[in-house]
């Protein structure tokens, strides 16, 4: 009887989950309604959301042309989501990123944790569910920091505030991720609600050859691509929801370890963006001249146009290929996968699911 009761409870739970999923899907408007609201809200294209530089507008015009050449609906929609997000969000710093030293005391704590993890390499857990964003023969290893993650994100907040000129609230810390030999990462933007002012703190690596580092590629506020090879003990400040970033080349080495920390502005008059606003701003012509209802390079959201394809990415699929769950009206997938979120100074962290990417930075 206990077994029967357990089975009944499982069925009830599954039914509740299904009902909740249906309710979430129902909250999204149809594509026809979305387009009607786009016009009703006075949108125009090209947009005038921000006071962008001529260089940025030129770069985005080229990006749009590339995206519109994608034949499959799923892949094109995912690219439009990323494209619109980066285009619509405001900028806060001169170029969108900067490289500085990690405070030595903080780097020392993180390095100690990583060294202890590497000494126990075979018993480190592997990061799961990252195949849509991190390519390569091996899943990353992971060093769980426990309370140290919260300690670090709180200590680092003032530096992020000084860099951005904003009052910030900590939202999440992820790491230490140990990428492994052959890894690359899709070009993407981070969660628009919570991953606003961020940093990648590089702790340690073991390259096959120190003359072949593994850079992060990031676009500045003019849309120009930069390759930034961090040294151990350096960190990259970046406007992670705004600036497209990823790792386009493959890591040549045993591991590359970093922690990713994220903040959002406290003032909602400055920052009140979320994934629904991104969806609402995708222009109606996104689906013109499609030749394939499906078609995708992969399942996760990213910029996958030819000029930003990363090493190890699968070929573009057409026909009855892998259909993405991120089409209009779909329930966004949660990218966190173990990312630790925080409540700070009595302010609840407004957790939500975004349709993107496994981050690192992603």
Foldseek 3Di string as FASTA:
>chain_A
DVVVVVVVVVVVVVVVVVVVQVVLLVVFDDLVVLQVVLVVVPADPVGPLDPADPLQVVLLVVLLVLLLPAQEPQASVLQLLQSLQLVNADAQADWFKDKDFAPVVLLVVVLVQVVVCVVVVVPFDFFPDACQWKFDDGGWGFRDDPCSQVVVLVVCQVVLCVRRVFRKDWWWKDGFTKDAFFIWGFWGADFQQWFFKKKKQWRDFFAPDPVDAFFKWKAISSRDIDTDGDDHRMMMIGRRNNITIIGQETGHGGITTIMMTGIDGPDVVNGDDGSSVSVSNRHPCSPPNHDAHAKHQGAFRHSPRPVRHGPRGHDIDGDPDDHYQPDRSGAAAAQASPIDTDDPPNRDRPDDGHNHDNDDPD
